[in-house]
C-alpha atoms as a PDB file:
ATOM      1  CA  MET A   1     -60.623  33.951  -9.098  1.00  0.00           C
ATOM      2  CA  GLU A   2     -64.319  33.583  -9.257  1.00  0.00           C
ATOM      3  CA  ARG A   3     -66.389  32.050  -6.509  1.00  0.00           C
ATOM      4  CA  LYS A   4     -67.172  28.980  -8.635  1.00  0.00           C
ATOM      5  CA  ASP A   5     -63.468  28.209  -8.901  1.00  0.00           C
ATOM      6  CA  ARG A   6     -63.012  28.439  -5.155  1.00  0.00           C
ATOM      7  CA  PRO A   7     -66.219  27.360  -3.424  1.00  0.00           C
ATOM      8  CA  PHE A   8     -64.438  27.057  -0.063  1.00  0.00           C
ATOM      9  CA  ASP A   9     -62.910  30.550   0.001  1.00  0.00           C
ATOM     10  CA  ILE A  10     -62.823  31.178   3.743  1.00  0.00           C
ATOM     11  CA  ILE A  11     -60.381  34.090   3.458  1.00  0.00           C
ATOM     12  CA  GLY A  12     -63.041  36.124   1.689  1.00  0.00           C
ATOM     13  CA  GLN A  13     -65.376  35.590   4.648  1.00  0.00           C
ATOM     14  CA  LEU A  14     -62.996  36.657   7.433  1.00  0.00           C
ATOM     15  CA  ALA A  15     -64.314  40.205   7.682  1.00  0.00           C
ATOM     16  CA  ALA A  16     -67.898  39.026   8.152  1.00  0.00           C
ATOM     17  CA  LEU A  17     -66.805  36.404  10.682  1.00  0.00           C
ATOM     18  CA  ARG A  18     -64.817  38.955  12.673  1.00  0.00           C
ATOM     19  CA  ARG A  19     -67.691  41.444  12.668  1.00  0.00           C
ATOM     20  CA  TYR A  20     -70.166  38.844  13.865  1.00  0.00           C
ATOM     21  CA  ALA A  21     -67.780  37.502  16.512  1.00  0.00           C
ATOM     22  CA  ARG A  22     -67.118  41.027  17.765  1.00  0.00           C
ATOM     23  CA  SER A  23     -70.856  41.663  18.085  1.00  0.00           C
ATOM     24  CA  LEU A  24     -71.271  38.418  20.042  1.00  0.00           C
ATOM     25  CA  VAL A  25     -68.453  38.806  22.551  1.00  0.00           C
ATOM     26  CA  ARG A  26     -67.803  42.586  22.496  1.00  0.00           C
ATOM     27  CA  ASN A  27     -64.056  42.102  22.902  1.00  0.00           C
ATOM     28  CA  ALA A  28     -61.511  42.119  20.083  1.00  0.00           C
ATOM     29  CA  ASP A  29     -59.233  39.436  21.549  1.00  0.00           C
ATOM     30  CA  GLU A  30     -62.087  37.093  22.435  1.00  0.00           C
ATOM     31  CA  ALA A  31     -63.596  37.692  18.988  1.00  0.00           C
ATOM     32  CA  GLU A  32     -60.338  36.623  17.327  1.00  0.00           C
ATOM     33  CA  ASP A  33     -60.249  33.493  19.490  1.00  0.00           C
ATOM     34  CA  LEU A  34     -63.840  32.730  18.550  1.00  0.00           C
ATOM     35  CA  VAL A  35     -63.119  33.196  14.824  1.00  0.00           C
ATOM     36  CA  HIS A  36     -60.086  30.944  15.179  1.00  0.00           C
ATOM     37  CA  ASP A  37     -62.150  28.223  16.872  1.00  0.00           C
ATOM     38  CA  ALA A  38     -64.827  28.502  14.189  1.00  0.00           C
ATOM     39  CA  LEU A  39     -62.267  28.240  11.377  1.00  0.00           C
ATOM     40  CA  VAL A  40     -60.695  25.182  12.963  1.00  0.00           C
ATOM     41  CA  ARG A  41     -64.134  23.569  13.159  1.00  0.00           C
ATOM     42  CA  ALA A  42     -64.883  24.578   9.571  1.00  0.00           C
ATOM     43  CA  PHE A  43     -61.719  22.950   8.271  1.00  0.00           C
ATOM     44  CA  GLU A  44     -62.412  19.843  10.361  1.00  0.00           C
ATOM     45  CA  LYS A  45     -65.937  19.645   8.891  1.00  0.00           C
ATOM     46  CA  LYS A  46     -64.970  20.766   5.386  1.00  0.00           C
ATOM     47  CA  LYS A  47     -66.324  17.555   3.867  1.00  0.00           C
ATOM     48  CA  SER A  48     -69.794  18.293   5.269  1.00  0.00           C
ATOM     49  CA  PHE A  49     -69.985  21.558   3.301  1.00  0.00           C
ATOM     50  CA  ARG A  50     -72.269  21.030   0.348  1.00  0.00           C
ATOM     51  CA  SER A  51     -70.919  22.456  -2.873  1.00  0.00           C
ATOM     52  CA  GLY A  52     -73.178  25.263  -4.057  1.00  0.00           C
ATOM     53  CA  ALA A  53     -74.368  26.064  -0.513  1.00  0.00           C
ATOM     54  CA  ASN A  54     -73.846  29.520   0.947  1.00  0.00           C
ATOM     55  CA  LEU A  55     -70.379  29.471   2.524  1.00  0.00           C
ATOM     56  CA  ARG A  56     -70.946  32.655   4.548  1.00  0.00           C
ATOM     57  CA  THR A  57     -74.109  31.242   6.158  1.00  0.00           C
ATOM     58  CA  TRP A  58     -72.363  27.959   6.894  1.00  0.00           C
ATOM     59  CA  LEU A  59     -69.371  29.701   8.503  1.00  0.00           C
ATOM     60  CA  LEU A  60     -71.543  32.104  10.508  1.00  0.00           C
ATOM     61  CA  SER A  61     -73.527  29.123  11.779  1.00  0.00           C
ATOM     62  CA  ILE A  62     -70.330  27.406  12.892  1.00  0.00           C
ATOM     63  CA  LEU A  63     -69.188  30.621  14.576  1.00  0.00           C
ATOM     64  CA  HIS A  64     -72.525  30.965  16.345  1.00  0.00           C
ATOM     65  CA  ASN A  65     -72.407  27.362  17.563  1.00  0.00           C
ATOM     66  CA  ALA A  66     -68.846  27.835  18.812  1.00  0.00           C
ATOM     67  CA  HIS A  67     -70.031  30.900  20.745  1.00  0.00           C
ATOM     68  CA  ILE A  68     -72.940  28.945  22.277  1.00  0.00           C
ATOM     69  CA  ASP A  69     -70.551  26.154  23.263  1.00  0.00           C
ATOM     70  CA  ARG A  70     -68.298  28.691  25.001  1.00  0.00           C
ATOM     71  CA  LEU A  71     -71.247  30.206  26.860  1.00  0.00           C
ATOM     72  CA  ARG A  72     -72.387  26.783  28.036  1.00  0.00           C
ATOM     73  CA  ARG A  73     -68.878  25.857  29.114  1.00  0.00           C
ATOM     74  CA  ASN A  74     -68.544  29.124  31.064  1.00  0.00           C
ATOM     75  CA  ARG A  75     -71.962  28.697  32.707  1.00  0.00           C
ATOM     76  CA  SER A  76     -71.068  25.160  33.703  1.00  0.00           C
ATOM     77  CA  LEU A  77     -67.775  26.366  35.174  1.00  0.00           C
ATOM     78  CA  MET A  78     -69.537  29.159  37.092  1.00  0.00           C
ATOM     79  CA  ARG A  79     -72.110  26.691  38.416  1.00  0.00           C
ATOM     80  CA  ARG A  80     -69.336  24.395  39.665  1.00  0.00           C
ATOM     81  CA  HIS A  81     -67.562  27.345  41.288  1.00  0.00           C
ATOM     82  CA  ASP A  82     -70.793  28.468  42.956  1.00  0.00           C
ATOM     83  CA  GLU A  83     -71.423  24.958  44.278  1.00  0.00           C
ATOM     84  CA  ALA A  84     -67.859  24.775  45.583  1.00  0.00           C
ATOM     85  CA  ALA A  85     -68.307  28.167  47.255  1.00  0.00           C
ATOM     86  CA  VAL A  86     -71.444  26.931  49.016  1.00  0.00           C
ATOM     87  CA  GLU A  87     -69.481  23.943  50.300  1.00  0.00           C
ATOM     88  CA  ALA A  88     -66.649  26.205  51.436  1.00  0.00           C
ATOM     89  CA  GLU A  89     -69.054  28.525  53.269  1.00  0.00           C
ATOM     90  CA  GLN A  90     -70.303  25.589  55.336  1.00  0.00           C
ATOM     91  CA  SER A  91     -66.876  25.028  56.842  1.00  0.00           C
ATOM     92  CA  LEU A  92     -65.616  26.889  59.868  1.00  0.00           C
ATOM     93  CA  PRO A  93     -63.101  29.632  59.238  1.00  0.00           C
ATOM     94  CA  ALA A  94     -59.583  28.670  60.201  1.00  0.00           C
ATOM     95  CA  GLY A  95     -57.663  30.505  62.874  1.00  0.00           C
ATOM     96  CA  GLN A  96     -55.436  33.329  61.708  1.00  0.00           C
ATOM     97  CA  GLU A  97     -52.186  31.340  61.806  1.00  0.00           C
ATOM     98  CA  HIS A  98     -53.803  28.374  60.083  1.00  0.00           C
ATOM     99  CA  ALA A  99     -55.364  30.614  57.432  1.00  0.00           C
ATOM    100  CA  VAL A 100     -51.988  32.221  56.687  1.00  0.00           C
ATOM    101  CA  ARG A 101     -50.334  28.804  56.451  1.00  0.00           C
ATOM    102  CA  LEU A 102     -53.045  27.489  54.134  1.00  0.00           C
ATOM    103  CA  GLN A 103     -52.595  30.518  51.900  1.00  0.00           C
ATOM    104  CA  GLN A 104     -48.838  29.894  51.773  1.00  0.00           C
ATOM    105  CA  VAL A 105     -49.352  26.250  50.803  1.00  0.00           C
ATOM    106  CA  ARG A 106     -51.979  27.243  48.235  1.00  0.00           C
ATOM    107  CA  ASP A 107     -49.621  29.816  46.708  1.00  0.00           C
ATOM    108  CA  ALA A 108     -46.820  27.229  46.567  1.00  0.00           C
ATOM    109  CA  PHE A 109     -49.174  24.801  44.820  1.00  0.00           C
ATOM    110  CA  PHE A 110     -50.254  27.417  42.269  1.00  0.00           C
ATOM    111  CA  ASP A 111     -46.607  28.379  41.674  1.00  0.00           C
ATOM    112  CA  LEU A 112     -45.921  24.859  40.377  1.00  0.00           C
ATOM    113  CA  PRO A 113     -45.626  24.557  36.591  1.00  0.00           C
ATOM    114  CA  GLU A 114     -49.026  23.843  35.057  1.00  0.00           C
ATOM    115  CA  GLU A 115     -48.196  20.306  33.952  1.00  0.00           C
ATOM    116  CA  GLN A 116     -47.051  19.379  37.478  1.00  0.00           C
ATOM    117  CA  ARG A 117     -49.988  21.142  39.135  1.00  0.00           C
ATOM    118  CA  GLU A 118     -52.601  19.377  37.012  1.00  0.00           C
ATOM    119  CA  ALA A 119     -50.988  15.959  37.571  1.00  0.00           C
ATOM    120  CA  LEU A 120     -50.740  16.443  41.334  1.00  0.00           C
ATOM    121  CA  HIS A 121     -54.280  17.809  41.523  1.00  0.00           C
ATOM    122  CA  LEU A 122     -55.790  14.794  39.779  1.00  0.00           C
ATOM    123  CA  VAL A 123     -53.977  12.299  42.008  1.00  0.00           C
ATOM    124  CA  ALA A 124     -53.868  14.103  45.380  1.00  0.00           C
ATOM    125  CA  ILE A 125     -57.100  16.088  45.333  1.00  0.00           C
ATOM    126  CA  GLU A 126     -59.405  14.277  42.892  1.00  0.00           C
ATOM    127  CA  ASP A 127     -58.136  10.902  44.174  1.00  0.00           C
ATOM    128  CA  LEU A 128     -57.629   9.395  40.710  1.00  0.00           C
ATOM    129  CA  SER A 129     -55.282   6.457  40.305  1.00  0.00           C
ATOM    130  CA  TYR A 130     -52.088   7.084  38.360  1.00  0.00           C
ATOM    131  CA  GLN A 131     -53.568   5.182  35.429  1.00  0.00           C
ATOM    132  CA  GLU A 132     -56.808   7.228  35.483  1.00  0.00           C
ATOM    133  CA  ALA A 133     -54.931  10.528  35.823  1.00  0.00           C
ATOM    134  CA  ALA A 134     -52.538   9.641  33.002  1.00  0.00           C
ATOM    135  CA  GLN A 135     -55.485   8.725  30.801  1.00  0.00           C
ATOM    136  CA  ALA A 136     -57.300  11.987  31.651  1.00  0.00           C
ATOM    137  CA  LEU A 137     -54.195  13.986  30.700  1.00  0.00           C
ATOM    138  CA  GLY A 138     -53.417  11.876  27.651  1.00  0.00           C
ATOM    139  CA  ILE A 139     -49.871  11.088  28.803  1.00  0.00           C
ATOM    140  CA  PRO A 140     -47.995   7.882  29.715  1.00  0.00           C
ATOM    141  CA  VAL A 141     -48.140   6.778  33.368  1.00  0.00           C
ATOM    142  CA  GLY A 142     -44.370   7.212  33.704  1.00  0.00           C
ATOM    143  CA  THR A 143     -44.615  10.848  32.610  1.00  0.00           C
ATOM    144  CA  LEU A 144     -47.393  11.427  35.130  1.00  0.00           C
ATOM    145  CA  MET A 145     -45.345   9.851  37.914  1.00  0.00           C
ATOM    146  CA  SER A 146     -42.359  12.006  36.994  1.00  0.00           C
ATOM    147  CA  ARG A 147     -44.456  15.187  37.070  1.00  0.00           C
ATOM    148  CA  ILE A 148     -45.951  14.279  40.437  1.00  0.00           C
ATOM    149  CA  SER A 149     -42.519  13.464  41.830  1.00  0.00           C
ATOM    150  CA  ARG A 150     -41.134  16.848  40.726  1.00  0.00           C
ATOM    151  CA  ALA A 151     -44.193  18.652  42.120  1.00  0.00           C
ATOM    152  CA  ARG A 152     -43.879  16.909  45.486  1.00  0.00           C
ATOM    153  CA  ALA A 153     -40.155  17.637  45.616  1.00  0.00           C
ATOM    154  CA  GLN A 154     -40.837  21.322  44.989  1.00  0.00           C
ATOM    155  CA  LEU A 155     -43.499  21.394  47.710  1.00  0.00           C
ATOM    156  CA  ARG A 156     -41.143  19.588  50.144  1.00  0.00           C
ATOM    157  CA  GLU A 157     -38.494  22.202  49.392  1.00  0.00           C
ATOM    158  CA  PHE A 158     -41.053  24.935  50.088  1.00  0.00           C
ATOM    159  CA  GLU A 159     -41.969  23.177  53.354  1.00  0.00           C
ATOM    160  CA  GLU A 160     -38.325  23.011  54.453  1.00  0.00           C
ATOM    161  CA  LYS A 161     -37.736  26.697  53.697  1.00  0.00           C
ATOM    162  CA  THR A 162     -40.880  27.931  55.445  1.00  0.00           C
ATOM    163  CA  PRO A 163     -40.336  28.680  59.138  1.00  0.00           C
ATOM    164  CA  ARG A 164     -42.413  26.560  61.498  1.00  0.00           C
ATOM    165  CA  VAL A 165     -42.736  29.203  64.212  1.00  0.00           C
ATOM    166  CA  SER A 166     -45.390  31.769  63.522  1.00  0.00           C
ATOM    167  CA  HIS A 167     -44.514  35.429  63.839  1.00  0.00           C
ATOM    168  CA  LEU A 168     -48.141  36.408  64.259  1.00  0.00           C
ATOM    169  CA  ARG A 169     -49.241  37.826  67.582  1.00  0.00           C
ATOM    170  CA  LEU A 170     -52.702  38.571  68.849  1.00  0.00           C
ATOM    171  CA  ILE A 171     -53.082  42.191  69.845  1.00  0.00           C
ATOM    172  CA  GLY A 172     -55.961  43.160  72.104  1.00  0.00           C
ATOM    173  CA  ARG A 173     -58.114  46.251  71.759  1.00  0.00           C
ATOM    174  CA  ASP A 174     -55.883  48.124  74.165  1.00  0.00           C
ATOM    175  CA  GLY A 175     -52.882  47.505  71.892  1.00  0.00           C
ATOM    176  CA  ASN A 176     -51.219  44.987  74.223  1.00  0.00           C
ATOM    177  CA  GLU A 177     -50.332  41.414  73.340  1.00  0.00           C
ATOM    178  CA  SER A 178     -52.604  38.756  74.775  1.00  0.00           C
ATOM    179  CA  ASN A 179     -51.353  35.337  75.787  1.00  0.00           C
END
């Protein structure tokens, strides 16, 4: 078919989109994700495409904007992580036994299924109400409460299985235990 018959022929532009995405991100998998995001945006904004305009330019512009949005999102995330690291550096390091225990609890938390982990995080760490957390996740309050209940039950089970007595011993420079 001729271009006039199909003015919104995105398939014919895939090669150019992939090439441009690959040059932007320098990684084949990330480039495919970027092309996918751009195509989703293009179909969402299909009505804004003016008939007779250059489709390739329009699509490449969308791809470029999607890339810029990703860069901004990543920079924002890095900035938040850096700020959190500064806060963490201001705290005193925990003792060895406490540090090991915190790592165990952290690992147990991160072993929770994602949906339970995000629900528990919003309520227990971010201090959101159930209503606010449910709204942030786009789920009913009852579903949120169920996820939190299952997450807490799993963490209680972890707590019951983890021995309370530490097996760590302090060894002095001479190789002997110190009391």
